[in-house]
Amino acid sequence: MDFTSEQIERYSRHILLQDIGVEGQEKINQGKVLVIGAGGLGAPILLYLAAAGVGTLGIIDGDVVDLSNLQRQVIHFTPDVGKPKVISAQEKIEKINPDVKVITYHQFFTAENAFDIIKDYDFIVDGTDSFPVKFLINDACVLAGKPFSHGGILRFDGQTLTHIPGHACYRCAFHSPPPPNAVPTCSQAGVLGAIAGMLGTIQAAEVLKFLTDTGDLLTDRLLSFNAKTMNFRTIKVKKNHKCPVCGDTPSITELVEAEQATCELKKR
């Protein structure tokens, strides 16, 4: 593709990088990325991918903006309360970078629509806060042969890994959704707002590395951190040959949605 003088100036800091350059920026501009969830993680992911010039950004989220979202979901502003998150996010993306084509899906990611939605994208990003949906994203991407980034946050902690076909998937590390009362949600236990930005930008970096074939992705590795101590650690994740979805004899061959397990926190 031929860049205009305005695009060369816009993306000049990428073009100057030896590992990216003009060819890498072309790959970014031609990339198609789906972000599932336009909330705490999706917000910084979308902002940075839009600024980077990812050619097509798909956004799927069935929620509307709530006042409690604004503490961490930085793509949404106070006047957006009550507006569908996908529309609010689209408006900001178009202001950041008119080069980006935005496709919105004001619906939830389900077993019924998963394959049809992810089929046209190069990379999928998990920005959800639901364990059943995280496993659904994993299973859909593994079965469809799609690379994706997993991300999760709670309280002061964050974790992420990147799946590329042939490598360990989310189920290789976590076999199945947690049982009821095992893990609370952010709405129950709280989350430090900046944690979403920390993890979301890491996921955005993984997307750009994938599109430009730069550096080492978080494949077969789980990156976790705690913001209270600012300790980061990387845990090796081996591909599990008994994994129910990517193993040698998989038992999961079609998509099934698990129920959302709720955790009743007891007041002390």
Protein backbone atom coordinates (compact mmCIF):
# COMPACT_ATOMS: atom_id res chain seq x y z
CA MET A 1 0.00 0.00 0.00
CA ASP A 2 1.08 3.58 -0.64
CA PHE A 3 1.10 5.80 2.43
CA THR A 4 0.06 9.42 2.15
CA SER A 5 2.34 12.08 3.60
CA GLU A 6 -0.13 12.44 6.48
CA GLN A 7 -0.01 8.71 7.21
CA ILE A 8 3.79 8.69 7.09
CA GLU A 9 3.80 11.45 9.70
CA ARG A 10 1.10 9.74 11.80
CA TYR A 11 2.94 6.41 11.90
CA SER A 12 6.48 7.81 11.80
CA ARG A 13 7.43 6.49 15.25
CA HIS A 14 6.58 2.96 14.14
CA ILE A 15 8.28 3.39 10.78
CA LEU A 16 11.46 4.50 12.55
CA LEU A 17 11.63 1.22 14.47
CA GLN A 18 14.04 -1.18 12.79
CA ASP A 19 11.84 -4.15 13.71
CA ILE A 20 8.70 -2.62 12.21
CA GLY A 21 9.48 -0.03 9.51
CA VAL A 22 7.25 0.60 6.51
CA GLU A 23 6.55 -3.09 5.89
CA GLY A 24 5.49 -3.65 9.49
CA GLN A 25 3.21 -0.63 9.45
CA GLU A 26 1.64 -1.92 6.23
CA LYS A 27 0.89 -5.20 8.01
CA ILE A 28 -0.72 -3.28 10.87
CA ASN A 29 -2.85 -1.24 8.46
CA GLN A 30 -3.98 -4.41 6.72
CA GLY A 31 -4.70 -6.28 9.98
CA LYS A 32 -8.17 -7.31 11.13
CA VAL A 33 -8.60 -7.64 14.89
CA LEU A 34 -11.70 -8.52 16.92
CA VAL A 35 -11.93 -7.26 20.50
CA ILE A 36 -14.50 -9.08 22.61
CA GLY A 37 -15.63 -6.70 25.34
CA ALA A 38 -15.43 -2.91 25.28
CA GLY A 39 -14.91 -2.55 29.01
CA GLY A 40 -11.90 -2.26 31.30
CA LEU A 41 -9.52 -4.28 29.14
CA GLY A 42 -11.16 -3.54 25.81
CA ALA A 43 -10.88 0.21 26.33
CA PRO A 44 -7.06 0.52 26.32
CA ILE A 45 -6.74 -2.29 23.78
CA LEU A 46 -9.01 -0.48 21.34
CA LEU A 47 -7.42 2.92 21.94
CA TYR A 48 -3.88 1.69 21.26
CA LEU A 49 -4.81 -0.51 18.30
CA ALA A 50 -6.70 2.39 16.75
CA ALA A 51 -3.79 4.75 17.31
CA ALA A 52 -1.44 2.17 15.78
CA GLY A 53 -3.57 2.07 12.64
CA VAL A 54 -4.98 -1.46 12.70
CA GLY A 55 -6.99 -1.53 9.49
CA THR A 56 -10.18 -3.18 10.77
CA LEU A 57 -11.31 -3.29 14.39
CA GLY A 58 -14.31 -5.41 15.31
CA ILE A 59 -15.96 -4.71 18.67
CA ILE A 60 -18.53 -7.01 20.26
CA ASP A 61 -20.30 -6.09 23.50
CA GLY A 62 -23.98 -6.25 24.43
CA ASP A 63 -23.77 -3.82 27.37
CA VAL A 64 -24.43 -0.11 27.70
CA VAL A 65 -22.17 2.33 29.53
CA ASP A 66 -22.82 2.49 33.28
CA LEU A 67 -21.55 5.15 35.67
CA SER A 68 -19.53 2.54 37.57
CA ASN A 69 -17.64 1.70 34.34
CA LEU A 70 -15.99 5.12 34.11
CA GLN A 71 -13.47 4.40 36.90
CA ARG A 72 -11.48 2.17 34.52
CA GLN A 73 -13.12 1.98 31.08
CA VAL A 74 -11.30 5.00 29.69
CA ILE A 75 -12.77 4.87 26.19
CA HIS A 76 -16.15 5.90 27.64
CA PHE A 77 -16.94 9.41 28.94
CA THR A 78 -19.61 10.69 31.35
CA PRO A 79 -22.01 11.79 28.57
CA ASP A 80 -21.86 8.21 27.22
CA VAL A 81 -23.75 6.74 30.21
CA GLY A 82 -26.66 4.73 28.83
CA LYS A 83 -25.15 4.46 25.35
CA PRO A 84 -24.19 1.05 23.87
CA LYS A 85 -20.51 0.47 24.60
CA VAL A 86 -19.75 -0.50 21.01
CA ILE A 87 -21.12 2.83 19.74
CA SER A 88 -19.30 4.84 22.41
CA ALA A 89 -16.05 3.05 21.55
CA GLN A 90 -16.57 3.51 17.83
CA GLU A 91 -17.01 7.25 18.24
CA LYS A 92 -13.67 7.59 20.08
CA ILE A 93 -11.82 5.36 17.62
CA GLU A 94 -13.02 7.40 14.65
CA LYS A 95 -11.79 10.57 16.33
CA ILE A 96 -8.40 9.02 17.13
CA ASN A 97 -7.78 7.60 13.67
CA PRO A 98 -10.07 7.94 10.62
CA ASP A 99 -7.93 5.30 8.82
CA VAL A 100 -9.51 2.56 10.94
CA LYS A 101 -12.61 0.70 9.80
CA VAL A 102 -14.81 -0.14 12.79
CA ILE A 103 -17.32 -2.99 12.76
CA THR A 104 -19.66 -3.12 15.76
CA TYR A 105 -21.69 -6.01 17.15
CA HIS A 106 -24.13 -4.83 19.83
CA GLN A 107 -24.66 -8.33 21.16
CA PHE A 108 -23.01 -10.78 23.49
CA PHE A 109 -20.49 -13.37 22.31
CA THR A 110 -22.29 -16.73 22.34
CA ALA A 111 -21.90 -20.28 21.08
CA GLU A 112 -24.43 -19.47 18.38
CA ASN A 113 -22.63 -16.45 16.89
CA ALA A 114 -18.98 -17.17 17.77
CA PHE A 115 -17.77 -18.87 14.59
CA ASP A 116 -19.63 -16.53 12.28
CA ILE A 117 -18.12 -13.46 13.97
CA ILE A 118 -14.48 -14.56 14.36
CA LYS A 119 -14.09 -16.08 10.88
CA ASP A 120 -13.04 -12.85 9.14
CA TYR A 121 -10.45 -11.70 11.70
CA ASP A 122 -6.69 -12.33 11.93
CA PHE A 123 -6.50 -12.12 15.72
CA ILE A 124 -9.01 -12.23 18.58
CA VAL A 125 -8.63 -10.41 21.92
CA ASP A 126 -10.41 -11.49 25.10
CA GLY A 127 -11.39 -8.38 27.05
CA THR A 128 -14.23 -9.98 29.02
CA ASP A 129 -14.80 -10.47 32.75
CA SER A 130 -16.78 -13.71 32.54
CA PHE A 131 -15.15 -17.11 32.99
CA PRO A 132 -17.69 -18.95 30.81
CA VAL A 133 -17.10 -16.46 27.98
CA LYS A 134 -13.33 -16.76 28.37
CA PHE A 135 -13.56 -20.53 27.91
CA LEU A 136 -15.99 -20.01 25.01
CA ILE A 137 -13.50 -17.67 23.32
CA ASN A 138 -10.72 -20.20 23.84
CA ASP A 139 -12.73 -23.10 22.46
CA ALA A 140 -14.02 -21.13 19.46
CA CYS A 141 -10.53 -19.89 18.55
CA VAL A 142 -8.89 -23.30 18.98
CA LEU A 143 -11.55 -25.05 16.90
CA ALA A 144 -11.39 -22.34 14.22
CA GLY A 145 -7.58 -22.17 14.23
CA LYS A 146 -7.52 -18.52 15.32
CA PRO A 147 -4.80 -16.90 17.47
CA PHE A 148 -6.01 -14.93 20.49
CA SER A 149 -4.93 -13.07 23.61
CA HIS A 150 -6.42 -13.98 26.98
CA GLY A 151 -6.57 -11.37 29.69
CA GLY A 152 -8.04 -11.24 33.19
CA ILE A 153 -8.00 -8.76 36.08
CA LEU A 154 -9.26 -8.72 39.67
CA ARG A 155 -8.50 -6.45 42.62
CA PHE A 156 -4.77 -5.64 42.11
CA ASP A 157 -3.88 -8.59 39.89
CA GLY A 158 -3.70 -9.22 36.16
CA GLN A 159 -2.78 -12.15 33.94
CA THR A 160 -2.44 -12.79 30.21
CA LEU A 161 -1.28 -15.38 27.71
CA THR A 162 -1.28 -15.59 23.92
CA HIS A 163 -2.48 -18.64 22.05
CA ILE A 164 -1.20 -19.50 18.61
CA PRO A 165 -2.48 -22.68 16.91
CA GLY A 166 -0.28 -25.59 17.91
CA HIS A 167 0.66 -24.05 21.27
CA ALA A 168 -0.87 -24.25 24.75
CA CYS A 169 -4.39 -22.86 25.03
CA TYR A 170 -6.29 -21.37 27.97
CA ARG A 171 -7.68 -24.81 28.91
CA CYS A 172 -4.15 -26.21 29.04
CA ALA A 173 -3.56 -23.86 31.99
CA PHE A 174 -7.09 -23.79 33.43
CA HIS A 175 -9.09 -26.91 32.65
CA SER A 176 -12.60 -25.54 33.22
CA PRO A 177 -14.50 -22.57 34.73
CA PRO A 178 -14.24 -22.28 38.53
CA PRO A 179 -17.11 -23.64 40.64
CA PRO A 180 -19.58 -21.32 42.42
CA ASN A 181 -18.14 -19.30 45.31
CA ALA A 182 -14.57 -19.92 44.14
CA VAL A 183 -13.73 -16.61 42.46
CA PRO A 184 -15.62 -13.30 42.75
CA THR A 185 -16.11 -10.89 39.85
CA CYS A 186 -14.77 -7.35 39.66
CA SER A 187 -18.24 -6.03 40.47
CA GLN A 188 -18.20 -8.10 43.66
CA ALA A 189 -14.59 -7.80 44.83
CA GLY A 190 -13.48 -4.57 43.13
CA VAL A 191 -10.57 -3.76 40.86
CA LEU A 192 -7.97 -0.99 40.79
CA GLY A 193 -8.82 1.00 37.68
CA ALA A 194 -5.27 1.37 36.42
CA ILE A 195 -4.86 -2.44 36.38
CA ALA A 196 -7.10 -2.55 33.32
CA GLY A 197 -4.80 -0.12 31.54
CA MET A 198 -1.68 -2.05 32.52
CA LEU A 199 -2.96 -5.38 31.23
CA GLY A 200 -4.84 -3.96 28.25
CA THR A 201 -1.75 -2.28 26.87
CA ILE A 202 0.20 -5.53 27.21
CA GLN A 203 -2.49 -7.30 25.21
CA ALA A 204 -2.42 -4.53 22.58
CA ALA A 205 1.35 -4.95 22.32
CA GLU A 206 0.88 -8.68 21.74
CA VAL A 207 -1.52 -7.93 18.88
CA LEU A 208 0.94 -5.54 17.21
CA LYS A 209 3.80 -8.01 17.68
CA PHE A 210 1.71 -10.72 16.06
CA LEU A 211 0.70 -8.57 13.10
CA THR A 212 4.28 -7.46 12.46
CA ASP A 213 5.95 -10.78 13.39
CA THR A 214 8.11 -8.94 15.90
CA GLY A 215 9.61 -10.27 19.13
CA ASP A 216 8.48 -13.19 21.26
CA LEU A 217 4.78 -13.61 22.00
CA LEU A 218 3.42 -14.87 25.32
CA THR A 219 2.87 -18.31 23.86
CA ASP A 220 3.22 -21.21 26.28
CA ARG A 221 3.69 -18.58 28.99
CA LEU A 222 1.29 -16.98 31.49
CA LEU A 223 2.33 -13.46 32.53
CA SER A 224 0.92 -12.37 35.87
CA PHE A 225 1.48 -9.31 38.02
CA ASN A 226 0.39 -7.70 41.27
CA ALA A 227 0.22 -3.92 41.28
CA LYS A 228 0.54 -3.60 45.07
CA THR A 229 4.05 -5.04 44.96
CA MET A 230 4.75 -4.41 41.25
CA ASN A 231 6.00 -7.97 41.00
CA PHE A 232 5.75 -9.54 37.53
CA ARG A 233 6.35 -13.21 36.86
CA THR A 234 6.09 -15.52 33.87
CA ILE A 235 4.90 -19.08 34.32
CA LYS A 236 5.60 -21.70 31.65
CA VAL A 237 2.47 -23.43 30.35
CA LYS A 238 2.98 -26.72 28.55
CA LYS A 239 0.62 -27.86 25.83
CA ASN A 240 -1.52 -30.48 27.51
CA HIS A 241 -1.91 -33.52 25.27
CA LYS A 242 -4.97 -34.43 27.36
CA CYS A 243 -6.52 -30.98 26.93
CA PRO A 244 -10.24 -31.41 26.15
CA VAL A 245 -10.11 -28.99 23.21
CA CYS A 246 -6.56 -28.94 21.78
CA GLY A 247 -5.26 -32.30 23.00
CA ASP A 248 -4.60 -35.49 21.05
CA THR A 249 -8.14 -36.82 21.57
CA PRO A 250 -10.31 -33.77 22.23
CA SER A 251 -13.70 -34.24 23.85
CA ILE A 252 -14.83 -30.69 22.98
CA THR A 253 -15.67 -30.63 19.29
CA GLU A 254 -18.49 -28.11 19.34
CA LEU A 255 -19.23 -24.99 21.36
CA VAL A 256 -21.15 -25.24 24.62
CA GLU A 257 -21.74 -22.34 26.99
CA ALA A 258 -21.14 -22.90 30.70
CA GLU A 259 -23.24 -21.10 33.31
CA GLN A 260 -21.75 -18.08 35.04
CA ALA A 261 -20.74 -19.14 38.55
CA THR A 262 -21.49 -16.46 41.13
CA CYS A 263 -19.58 -15.89 44.34
CA GLU A 264 -21.41 -14.70 47.42
CA LEU A 265 -18.94 -12.63 49.40
CA LYS A 266 -19.57 -12.74 53.14
CA LYS A 267 -19.34 -9.51 55.10
CA ARG A 268 -16.88 -9.65 57.98
